[in-house]
N, C-alpha and C. Protein backbone atom coordinates (compact mmCIF):
# COMPACT_ATOMS: atom_id res chain seq x y z
N MET A 1 83.24 112.13 134.38
CA MET A 1 83.06 110.70 134.57
C MET A 1 83.58 109.95 133.35
N ILE A 2 84.14 108.83 133.61
CA ILE A 2 84.62 107.98 132.52
C ILE A 2 83.42 107.31 131.88
N GLY A 3 83.38 107.36 130.58
CA GLY A 3 82.31 106.71 129.85
C GLY A 3 81.06 107.56 129.72
N ALA A 4 81.07 108.74 130.33
CA ALA A 4 79.90 109.60 130.20
C ALA A 4 79.97 110.31 128.87
N GLY A 5 78.90 110.39 128.19
CA GLY A 5 78.86 111.03 126.90
C GLY A 5 77.63 110.57 126.14
N LYS A 6 77.59 110.92 124.91
CA LYS A 6 76.45 110.51 124.10
C LYS A 6 76.52 109.03 123.78
N VAL A 7 75.42 108.38 123.93
CA VAL A 7 75.30 106.98 123.56
C VAL A 7 74.50 106.94 122.27
N LYS A 8 75.05 106.28 121.27
CA LYS A 8 74.34 106.21 119.99
C LYS A 8 73.25 105.16 120.08
N HIS A 9 72.09 105.52 119.60
CA HIS A 9 70.99 104.59 119.53
C HIS A 9 70.74 104.28 118.05
N TYR A 10 70.63 103.02 117.74
CA TYR A 10 70.43 102.60 116.36
C TYR A 10 69.00 102.11 116.19
N ALA A 11 68.39 102.46 115.08
CA ALA A 11 67.01 102.08 114.81
C ALA A 11 66.89 100.56 114.63
N THR A 12 67.81 99.98 113.91
CA THR A 12 67.76 98.53 113.69
C THR A 12 69.16 97.94 113.82
N VAL A 13 69.20 96.65 113.85
CA VAL A 13 70.48 95.96 113.91
C VAL A 13 71.31 96.25 112.67
N LEU A 14 70.65 96.44 111.55
CA LEU A 14 71.36 96.70 110.30
C LEU A 14 72.09 98.04 110.30
N ASP A 15 71.65 98.96 111.15
CA ASP A 15 72.30 100.26 111.23
C ASP A 15 73.58 100.24 112.06
N LYS A 16 73.74 99.22 112.89
CA LYS A 16 74.92 99.13 113.74
C LYS A 16 76.15 98.83 112.89
N PRO A 17 77.28 99.43 113.23
CA PRO A 17 78.51 99.12 112.48
C PRO A 17 78.97 97.69 112.81
N LEU A 18 79.67 97.08 111.85
CA LEU A 18 80.21 95.76 112.09
C LEU A 18 81.33 95.86 113.11
N SER A 19 81.22 95.09 114.17
CA SER A 19 82.30 95.10 115.16
C SER A 19 83.34 94.09 114.73
N LYS A 20 84.54 94.27 115.20
CA LYS A 20 85.58 93.31 114.86
C LYS A 20 85.36 92.00 115.60
N GLY A 21 84.66 92.05 116.71
CA GLY A 21 84.38 90.81 117.43
C GLY A 21 85.64 90.24 118.05
N LYS A 22 85.45 89.16 118.79
CA LYS A 22 86.59 88.49 119.38
C LYS A 22 87.31 87.73 118.28
N GLN A 23 88.59 87.96 118.13
CA GLN A 23 89.33 87.40 117.01
C GLN A 23 90.07 86.12 117.36
N GLU A 24 89.90 85.61 118.55
CA GLU A 24 90.61 84.40 118.93
C GLU A 24 89.65 83.26 119.13
N VAL A 25 90.07 82.10 118.72
CA VAL A 25 89.32 80.87 118.93
C VAL A 25 90.18 79.99 119.82
N SER A 26 89.57 79.30 120.73
CA SER A 26 90.30 78.39 121.60
C SER A 26 91.08 77.39 120.75
N LEU A 27 92.36 77.23 121.05
CA LEU A 27 93.21 76.33 120.29
C LEU A 27 92.72 74.89 120.40
N SER A 28 92.26 74.50 121.59
CA SER A 28 91.78 73.13 121.75
C SER A 28 90.48 72.92 120.97
N ALA A 29 89.63 73.93 120.90
CA ALA A 29 88.39 73.81 120.12
C ALA A 29 88.72 73.69 118.64
N PHE A 30 89.65 74.52 118.16
CA PHE A 30 90.06 74.44 116.76
C PHE A 30 90.67 73.07 116.46
N ALA A 31 91.57 72.60 117.32
CA ALA A 31 92.22 71.31 117.09
C ALA A 31 91.19 70.18 117.03
N PHE A 32 90.19 70.23 117.92
CA PHE A 32 89.15 69.20 117.92
C PHE A 32 88.33 69.25 116.63
N LEU A 33 87.87 70.45 116.25
CA LEU A 33 87.05 70.58 115.05
C LEU A 33 87.85 70.18 113.79
N PHE A 34 89.10 70.60 113.74
CA PHE A 34 89.91 70.26 112.57
C PHE A 34 90.16 68.76 112.50
N SER A 35 90.43 68.13 113.63
CA SER A 35 90.65 66.68 113.61
C SER A 35 89.38 65.96 113.18
N GLU A 36 88.22 66.47 113.57
CA GLU A 36 86.95 65.87 113.12
C GLU A 36 86.77 66.04 111.62
N LEU A 37 87.15 67.20 111.09
CA LEU A 37 87.08 67.43 109.65
C LEU A 37 87.97 66.43 108.91
N VAL A 38 89.18 66.22 109.41
CA VAL A 38 90.10 65.28 108.78
C VAL A 38 89.56 63.86 108.88
N GLN A 39 89.08 63.47 110.06
CA GLN A 39 88.57 62.11 110.24
C GLN A 39 87.35 61.85 109.38
N TYR A 40 86.44 62.81 109.30
CA TYR A 40 85.26 62.63 108.47
C TYR A 40 85.65 62.44 107.00
N ASN A 41 86.51 63.32 106.51
CA ASN A 41 86.93 63.22 105.11
C ASN A 41 87.73 61.94 104.85
N GLN A 42 88.45 61.48 105.86
CA GLN A 42 89.22 60.25 105.70
C GLN A 42 88.30 59.05 105.46
N THR A 43 87.12 59.07 106.06
CA THR A 43 86.17 57.96 105.86
C THR A 43 85.51 58.02 104.49
N GLN A 44 85.59 59.16 103.81
CA GLN A 44 84.92 59.35 102.53
C GLN A 44 85.80 59.09 101.31
N VAL A 45 87.08 58.82 101.53
CA VAL A 45 88.02 58.70 100.41
C VAL A 45 88.78 57.38 100.45
N ASP A 46 89.46 57.08 99.35
CA ASP A 46 90.23 55.83 99.25
C ASP A 46 91.74 56.05 99.28
N ASN A 47 92.19 57.28 99.02
CA ASN A 47 93.64 57.51 98.99
C ASN A 47 93.99 58.88 99.56
N ILE A 48 95.27 59.08 99.76
CA ILE A 48 95.77 60.31 100.39
C ILE A 48 95.54 61.53 99.50
N ALA A 49 95.76 61.39 98.20
CA ALA A 49 95.59 62.53 97.29
C ALA A 49 94.16 63.04 97.32
N GLU A 50 93.20 62.14 97.38
CA GLU A 50 91.79 62.55 97.45
C GLU A 50 91.47 63.23 98.78
N LEU A 51 92.07 62.74 99.87
CA LEU A 51 91.87 63.36 101.18
C LEU A 51 92.43 64.78 101.18
N GLU A 52 93.63 64.96 100.64
CA GLU A 52 94.22 66.29 100.57
C GLU A 52 93.38 67.22 99.69
N ARG A 53 92.83 66.69 98.59
CA ARG A 53 91.98 67.51 97.72
C ARG A 53 90.72 67.96 98.45
N ARG A 54 90.13 67.08 99.24
CA ARG A 54 88.92 67.44 99.99
C ARG A 54 89.23 68.50 101.05
N LEU A 55 90.38 68.36 101.72
CA LEU A 55 90.78 69.38 102.70
C LEU A 55 91.04 70.72 102.00
N GLU A 56 91.66 70.65 100.83
CA GLU A 56 91.91 71.88 100.08
C GLU A 56 90.59 72.55 99.67
N ASP A 57 89.62 71.76 99.26
CA ASP A 57 88.31 72.32 98.89
C ASP A 57 87.63 72.98 100.09
N ALA A 58 87.75 72.37 101.27
CA ALA A 58 87.19 72.97 102.48
C ALA A 58 87.89 74.29 102.79
N GLY A 59 89.21 74.32 102.62
CA GLY A 59 89.97 75.54 102.85
C GLY A 59 89.66 76.63 101.84
N TYR A 60 89.38 76.23 100.60
CA TYR A 60 89.05 77.20 99.55
C TYR A 60 87.83 78.04 99.95
N ALA A 61 86.80 77.40 100.47
CA ALA A 61 85.60 78.12 100.90
C ALA A 61 85.92 79.10 102.03
N VAL A 62 86.80 78.69 102.94
CA VAL A 62 87.21 79.58 104.03
C VAL A 62 87.97 80.78 103.47
N GLY A 63 88.89 80.53 102.54
CA GLY A 63 89.71 81.61 101.96
C GLY A 63 88.88 82.66 101.26
N ALA A 64 87.87 82.23 100.50
CA ALA A 64 87.01 83.19 99.79
C ALA A 64 86.29 84.10 100.79
N ARG A 65 85.85 83.53 101.89
CA ARG A 65 85.14 84.32 102.91
C ARG A 65 86.08 85.22 103.70
N VAL A 66 87.29 84.73 103.96
CA VAL A 66 88.28 85.54 104.68
C VAL A 66 88.62 86.78 103.87
N LEU A 67 88.79 86.63 102.56
CA LEU A 67 89.09 87.79 101.71
C LEU A 67 87.97 88.81 101.79
N GLU A 68 86.73 88.36 101.65
CA GLU A 68 85.59 89.29 101.73
C GLU A 68 85.57 90.03 103.06
N LEU A 69 85.75 89.29 104.13
CA LEU A 69 85.72 89.89 105.47
C LEU A 69 86.83 90.92 105.65
N LEU A 70 88.05 90.55 105.29
CA LEU A 70 89.18 91.46 105.50
C LEU A 70 89.11 92.68 104.59
N CYS A 71 88.66 92.49 103.36
CA CYS A 71 88.54 93.64 102.45
C CYS A 71 87.47 94.59 102.97
N HIS A 72 86.41 94.06 103.52
CA HIS A 72 85.33 94.91 104.03
C HIS A 72 85.77 95.64 105.29
N ARG A 73 86.39 94.92 106.22
CA ARG A 73 86.77 95.52 107.51
C ARG A 73 87.98 96.44 107.41
N ASP A 74 89.03 95.96 106.79
CA ASP A 74 90.32 96.66 106.87
C ASP A 74 90.63 97.55 105.68
N LYS A 75 90.05 97.29 104.55
CA LYS A 75 90.48 97.99 103.35
C LYS A 75 89.37 98.81 102.71
N GLY A 76 88.24 98.97 103.36
CA GLY A 76 87.16 99.77 102.78
C GLY A 76 86.66 99.21 101.47
N ASN A 77 86.56 97.88 101.38
CA ASN A 77 86.10 97.16 100.19
C ASN A 77 87.04 97.27 98.99
N ARG A 78 88.29 97.66 99.22
CA ARG A 78 89.28 97.69 98.14
C ARG A 78 90.08 96.39 98.17
N ARG A 79 90.48 95.93 97.00
CA ARG A 79 91.28 94.72 96.90
C ARG A 79 92.60 95.03 96.22
N GLU A 80 93.55 94.18 96.46
CA GLU A 80 94.86 94.32 95.83
C GLU A 80 94.75 94.04 94.33
N THR A 81 95.50 94.78 93.54
CA THR A 81 95.47 94.58 92.10
C THR A 81 96.83 94.15 91.55
N ARG A 82 97.86 94.19 92.38
CA ARG A 82 99.21 93.82 91.94
C ARG A 82 99.64 92.51 92.61
N LEU A 83 100.48 91.77 91.93
CA LEU A 83 100.92 90.46 92.39
C LEU A 83 101.62 90.52 93.75
N LEU A 84 102.61 91.39 93.87
CA LEU A 84 103.34 91.48 95.14
C LEU A 84 102.45 92.00 96.26
N GLY A 85 101.49 92.85 95.92
CA GLY A 85 100.54 93.35 96.92
C GLY A 85 99.68 92.25 97.50
N ILE A 86 99.15 91.37 96.64
CA ILE A 86 98.29 90.29 97.13
C ILE A 86 99.11 89.25 97.89
N LEU A 87 100.34 88.99 97.44
CA LEU A 87 101.20 88.05 98.17
C LEU A 87 101.54 88.58 99.56
N SER A 88 101.85 89.85 99.63
CA SER A 88 102.14 90.47 100.92
C SER A 88 100.91 90.45 101.83
N PHE A 89 99.74 90.69 101.24
CA PHE A 89 98.47 90.65 101.98
C PHE A 89 98.24 89.26 102.57
N VAL A 90 98.47 88.21 101.78
CA VAL A 90 98.29 86.84 102.27
C VAL A 90 99.33 86.52 103.33
N HIS A 91 100.60 86.84 103.06
CA HIS A 91 101.71 86.54 103.96
C HIS A 91 101.57 87.23 105.31
N SER A 92 101.05 88.43 105.31
CA SER A 92 100.98 89.18 106.57
C SER A 92 99.56 89.25 107.13
N THR A 93 98.67 89.94 106.46
CA THR A 93 97.33 90.20 107.01
C THR A 93 96.52 88.92 107.19
N VAL A 94 96.39 88.15 106.13
CA VAL A 94 95.58 86.92 106.21
C VAL A 94 96.18 85.96 107.23
N TRP A 95 97.48 85.77 107.17
CA TRP A 95 98.15 84.84 108.08
C TRP A 95 97.97 85.28 109.53
N LYS A 96 98.09 86.58 109.76
CA LYS A 96 97.95 87.09 111.13
C LYS A 96 96.54 86.89 111.67
N VAL A 97 95.53 87.09 110.83
CA VAL A 97 94.15 86.88 111.26
C VAL A 97 93.90 85.41 111.54
N LEU A 98 94.42 84.54 110.70
CA LEU A 98 94.16 83.10 110.87
C LEU A 98 95.02 82.45 111.95
N PHE A 99 96.29 82.81 112.02
CA PHE A 99 97.21 82.09 112.89
C PHE A 99 97.85 82.94 113.98
N GLY A 100 97.47 84.21 114.05
CA GLY A 100 97.97 85.07 115.13
C GLY A 100 99.36 85.62 114.92
N LYS A 101 99.97 85.35 113.79
CA LYS A 101 101.31 85.87 113.50
C LYS A 101 101.53 85.88 111.99
N VAL A 102 102.52 86.65 111.56
CA VAL A 102 102.89 86.70 110.15
C VAL A 102 103.60 85.40 109.81
N ALA A 103 103.46 84.91 108.58
CA ALA A 103 104.15 83.69 108.14
C ALA A 103 105.66 83.87 108.26
N ASP A 104 106.36 82.76 108.43
CA ASP A 104 107.81 82.82 108.62
C ASP A 104 108.54 83.42 107.44
N SER A 105 108.14 83.06 106.21
CA SER A 105 108.83 83.64 105.06
C SER A 105 107.97 83.61 103.80
N LEU A 106 108.25 84.55 102.93
CA LEU A 106 107.65 84.62 101.60
C LEU A 106 108.81 84.73 100.62
N GLU A 107 108.92 83.77 99.70
CA GLU A 107 110.05 83.74 98.78
C GLU A 107 109.58 83.53 97.35
N LYS A 108 110.35 84.06 96.43
CA LYS A 108 110.09 83.83 95.00
C LYS A 108 110.89 82.61 94.59
N GLY A 109 110.26 81.74 93.79
CA GLY A 109 110.96 80.54 93.31
C GLY A 109 112.14 80.91 92.43
N THR A 110 113.20 80.14 92.51
CA THR A 110 114.39 80.43 91.72
C THR A 110 114.35 79.76 90.36
N GLU A 111 113.61 78.66 90.25
CA GLU A 111 113.58 77.92 88.99
C GLU A 111 112.52 78.43 88.02
N HIS A 112 111.41 78.90 88.54
CA HIS A 112 110.30 79.34 87.69
C HIS A 112 109.86 80.75 88.07
N GLU A 113 109.55 81.55 87.09
CA GLU A 113 109.15 82.94 87.28
C GLU A 113 107.78 83.07 87.95
N ASP A 114 106.94 82.04 87.79
CA ASP A 114 105.56 82.12 88.27
C ASP A 114 105.34 81.46 89.62
N GLU A 115 106.40 81.08 90.33
CA GLU A 115 106.26 80.38 91.60
C GLU A 115 106.71 81.24 92.78
N TYR A 116 105.91 81.17 93.84
CA TYR A 116 106.22 81.83 95.10
C TYR A 116 105.97 80.82 96.22
N MET A 117 106.64 80.98 97.35
CA MET A 117 106.51 80.06 98.46
C MET A 117 106.30 80.81 99.76
N ILE A 118 105.34 80.34 100.53
CA ILE A 118 105.14 80.82 101.90
C ILE A 118 105.52 79.66 102.80
N SER A 119 106.49 79.89 103.68
CA SER A 119 106.97 78.81 104.54
C SER A 119 106.62 79.08 105.99
N GLU A 120 106.35 78.01 106.70
CA GLU A 120 106.00 78.08 108.12
C GLU A 120 106.70 76.91 108.81
N LYS A 121 107.46 77.22 109.87
CA LYS A 121 108.19 76.17 110.57
C LYS A 121 107.26 75.16 111.23
N GLU A 122 106.23 75.65 111.87
CA GLU A 122 105.27 74.76 112.52
C GLU A 122 103.86 75.25 112.23
N LEU A 123 103.31 74.80 111.13
CA LEU A 123 101.98 75.20 110.70
C LEU A 123 100.94 74.67 111.69
N LEU A 124 100.04 75.52 112.11
CA LEU A 124 99.07 75.18 113.14
C LEU A 124 98.30 73.90 112.83
N VAL A 125 97.89 73.70 111.59
CA VAL A 125 97.09 72.51 111.26
C VAL A 125 97.90 71.23 111.31
N ASN A 126 99.22 71.31 111.27
CA ASN A 126 100.06 70.12 111.38
C ASN A 126 100.57 69.89 112.80
N ARG A 127 100.36 70.85 113.68
CA ARG A 127 100.95 70.79 115.01
C ARG A 127 100.42 69.62 115.84
N PHE A 128 99.13 69.36 115.81
CA PHE A 128 98.55 68.35 116.68
C PHE A 128 98.14 67.09 115.92
N ILE A 129 98.68 66.91 114.73
CA ILE A 129 98.32 65.77 113.90
C ILE A 129 99.46 64.77 113.92
N SER A 130 99.14 63.54 114.25
CA SER A 130 100.13 62.47 114.12
C SER A 130 99.68 61.61 112.94
N ILE A 131 100.57 61.43 112.00
CA ILE A 131 100.24 60.74 110.76
C ILE A 131 100.67 59.28 110.87
N PRO A 132 99.73 58.35 110.67
CA PRO A 132 100.10 56.93 110.70
C PRO A 132 101.09 56.60 109.58
N LYS A 133 101.88 55.57 109.79
CA LYS A 133 102.89 55.17 108.80
C LYS A 133 102.28 54.85 107.44
N ASP A 134 101.07 54.28 107.43
CA ASP A 134 100.46 53.90 106.15
C ASP A 134 99.99 55.11 105.34
N MET A 135 99.96 56.30 105.97
CA MET A 135 99.55 57.51 105.25
C MET A 135 100.74 58.35 104.80
N GLY A 136 101.95 57.89 105.09
CA GLY A 136 103.20 58.45 104.61
C GLY A 136 103.28 59.95 104.44
N THR A 137 102.98 60.45 103.24
CA THR A 137 103.22 61.85 102.90
C THR A 137 102.03 62.77 103.12
N PHE A 138 101.00 62.30 103.80
CA PHE A 138 99.81 63.12 104.02
C PHE A 138 100.18 64.42 104.74
N ASN A 139 99.66 65.55 104.23
CA ASN A 139 99.97 66.86 104.78
C ASN A 139 98.67 67.63 105.00
N CYS A 140 98.35 67.90 106.26
CA CYS A 140 97.14 68.67 106.58
C CYS A 140 97.27 70.11 106.11
N GLY A 141 98.46 70.52 105.72
CA GLY A 141 98.65 71.86 105.17
C GLY A 141 97.85 72.08 103.89
N ALA A 142 97.30 71.01 103.33
CA ALA A 142 96.43 71.14 102.15
C ALA A 142 95.24 72.05 102.47
N PHE A 143 94.79 72.03 103.71
CA PHE A 143 93.68 72.90 104.13
C PHE A 143 94.11 74.37 104.00
N VAL A 144 95.31 74.69 104.47
CA VAL A 144 95.83 76.05 104.38
C VAL A 144 96.10 76.43 102.93
N ALA A 145 96.59 75.47 102.14
CA ALA A 145 96.80 75.72 100.71
C ALA A 145 95.46 76.09 100.06
N GLY A 146 94.39 75.43 100.48
CA GLY A 146 93.06 75.76 99.97
C GLY A 146 92.63 77.15 100.37
N ILE A 147 92.94 77.55 101.60
CA ILE A 147 92.61 78.90 102.05
C ILE A 147 93.34 79.93 101.18
N VAL A 148 94.62 79.70 100.96
CA VAL A 148 95.42 80.63 100.14
C VAL A 148 94.85 80.68 98.72
N ARG A 149 94.53 79.52 98.15
CA ARG A 149 93.96 79.49 96.80
C ARG A 149 92.62 80.22 96.75
N GLY A 150 91.80 80.06 97.80
CA GLY A 150 90.52 80.76 97.86
C GLY A 150 90.68 82.27 97.89
N VAL A 151 91.64 82.74 98.67
CA VAL A 151 91.92 84.18 98.74
C VAL A 151 92.39 84.69 97.38
N LEU A 152 93.36 83.98 96.79
CA LEU A 152 93.93 84.42 95.52
C LEU A 152 92.90 84.38 94.39
N ASP A 153 92.16 83.29 94.27
CA ASP A 153 91.14 83.19 93.21
C ASP A 153 90.08 84.27 93.36
N SER A 154 89.63 84.49 94.58
CA SER A 154 88.60 85.50 94.81
C SER A 154 89.09 86.91 94.54
N ALA A 155 90.40 87.11 94.67
CA ALA A 155 90.98 88.43 94.40
C ALA A 155 91.35 88.60 92.92
N GLY A 156 91.14 87.56 92.11
CA GLY A 156 91.44 87.66 90.68
C GLY A 156 92.84 87.23 90.31
N PHE A 157 93.47 86.39 91.14
CA PHE A 157 94.81 85.89 90.89
C PHE A 157 94.78 84.36 90.88
N PRO A 158 94.22 83.74 89.83
CA PRO A 158 94.12 82.28 89.83
C PRO A 158 95.50 81.63 89.91
N ALA A 159 95.57 80.56 90.72
CA ALA A 159 96.84 79.88 90.94
C ALA A 159 96.59 78.44 91.36
N VAL A 160 97.59 77.62 91.16
CA VAL A 160 97.60 76.28 91.72
C VAL A 160 98.40 76.38 93.01
N VAL A 161 97.80 75.98 94.13
CA VAL A 161 98.45 76.11 95.43
C VAL A 161 98.53 74.73 96.07
N THR A 162 99.73 74.33 96.48
CA THR A 162 99.93 73.02 97.09
C THR A 162 100.77 73.17 98.36
N ALA A 163 100.63 72.20 99.25
CA ALA A 163 101.40 72.19 100.51
C ALA A 163 102.42 71.06 100.44
N HIS A 164 103.63 71.34 100.90
CA HIS A 164 104.71 70.36 100.87
C HIS A 164 105.49 70.40 102.18
N PHE A 165 105.97 69.24 102.60
CA PHE A 165 106.90 69.18 103.72
C PHE A 165 108.31 69.37 103.18
N VAL A 166 109.11 70.19 103.88
CA VAL A 166 110.51 70.39 103.50
C VAL A 166 111.35 70.10 104.73
N PRO A 167 112.20 69.05 104.67
CA PRO A 167 113.02 68.71 105.84
C PRO A 167 113.98 69.85 106.19
N MET A 168 114.21 70.02 107.49
CA MET A 168 115.14 71.05 107.97
C MET A 168 116.23 70.37 108.80
N GLU A 169 117.45 70.83 108.61
CA GLU A 169 118.57 70.27 109.37
C GLU A 169 118.40 70.56 110.84
N GLY A 170 118.62 69.55 111.67
CA GLY A 170 118.55 69.73 113.12
C GLY A 170 117.14 69.80 113.68
N GLN A 171 116.13 69.63 112.86
CA GLN A 171 114.74 69.69 113.32
C GLN A 171 114.11 68.32 113.15
N GLN A 172 113.33 67.90 114.15
CA GLN A 172 112.65 66.62 114.06
C GLN A 172 111.51 66.69 113.04
N ARG A 173 110.75 67.79 113.08
CA ARG A 173 109.61 67.95 112.17
C ARG A 173 110.00 68.83 110.98
N PRO A 174 109.54 68.50 109.79
CA PRO A 174 109.84 69.34 108.62
C PRO A 174 108.98 70.60 108.64
N ARG A 175 109.44 71.64 107.95
CA ARG A 175 108.61 72.84 107.82
C ARG A 175 107.62 72.60 106.69
N THR A 176 106.56 73.39 106.69
CA THR A 176 105.56 73.28 105.64
C THR A 176 105.72 74.47 104.70
N THR A 177 105.78 74.18 103.42
CA THR A 177 105.88 75.23 102.41
C THR A 177 104.63 75.19 101.56
N ILE A 178 103.98 76.34 101.43
CA ILE A 178 102.82 76.50 100.56
C ILE A 178 103.37 77.04 99.24
N LEU A 179 103.30 76.21 98.20
CA LEU A 179 103.82 76.58 96.88
C LEU A 179 102.69 77.16 96.04
N ILE A 180 102.90 78.36 95.54
CA ILE A 180 101.90 79.07 94.74
C ILE A 180 102.44 79.19 93.32
N LYS A 181 101.72 78.61 92.37
CA LYS A 181 102.11 78.70 90.95
C LYS A 181 100.98 79.44 90.23
N PHE A 182 101.25 80.68 89.85
CA PHE A 182 100.23 81.55 89.25
C PHE A 182 99.95 81.16 87.81
N ALA A 183 98.70 81.41 87.40
CA ALA A 183 98.29 81.16 86.02
C ALA A 183 99.00 82.16 85.10
N GLU A 184 99.17 81.77 83.86
CA GLU A 184 99.86 82.60 82.87
C GLU A 184 99.20 83.97 82.71
N GLU A 185 97.88 84.01 82.80
CA GLU A 185 97.16 85.28 82.65
C GLU A 185 97.54 86.29 83.72
N VAL A 186 97.85 85.83 84.92
CA VAL A 186 98.26 86.73 86.01
C VAL A 186 99.59 87.38 85.67
N LEU A 187 100.52 86.59 85.17
CA LEU A 187 101.84 87.13 84.81
C LEU A 187 101.76 88.10 83.65
N ARG A 188 100.91 87.78 82.65
CA ARG A 188 100.73 88.72 81.53
C ARG A 188 100.14 90.03 82.02
N ARG A 189 99.14 89.97 82.89
CA ARG A 189 98.52 91.19 83.42
C ARG A 189 99.52 92.01 84.21
N GLU A 190 100.33 91.33 85.02
CA GLU A 190 101.34 92.02 85.82
C GLU A 190 102.38 92.71 84.93
N ALA A 191 102.79 92.04 83.85
CA ALA A 191 103.75 92.64 82.91
C ALA A 191 103.15 93.85 82.21
N ARG A 192 101.87 93.77 81.89
CA ARG A 192 101.18 94.89 81.24
C ARG A 192 101.08 96.09 82.17
N LEU A 193 100.85 95.83 83.47
CA LEU A 193 100.74 96.93 84.43
C LEU A 193 102.11 97.54 84.73
N GLY A 194 103.16 96.81 84.43
CA GLY A 194 104.51 97.33 84.51
C GLY A 194 105.03 97.42 85.87
């Protein structure tokens, strides 16, 4: 018989293994909740920079928790210790869990040794947002930048992470680039590890 066999009985809920659970959230539910987050924060601030900072702070808390969850589930509580390892982890594993696919690209900055960029043609948080003319350069990608900063800081790789629009030829909407500028201590540690 299919499914016939020993059934494990657990004494308490704490003895049960953590299940992966359903990993998908309804896109419309996410879009609604995210728009409410943006609207609420918009009523609490006076300018665009402050709104982006508040979204980044909200994302930071998510990023710290995502790292804990993924390290516990997928890596046996081990964390990345090398710069390229953590960047690859964010670009692939974290992005796939959050957005259902690997980020479009991960690039090293050409002008500065400490800069890396994760680019996405159509970032989910910008997909359903229409920005009024008076808000000009507002980028909801600040939330994702906060998530990335939360993951990196929690993993021991402090960085300044910002979201930017980059115009693309032949495209109506610009792509979003998450710019990661690592702290000097990270680069010194990486050089020491060789």
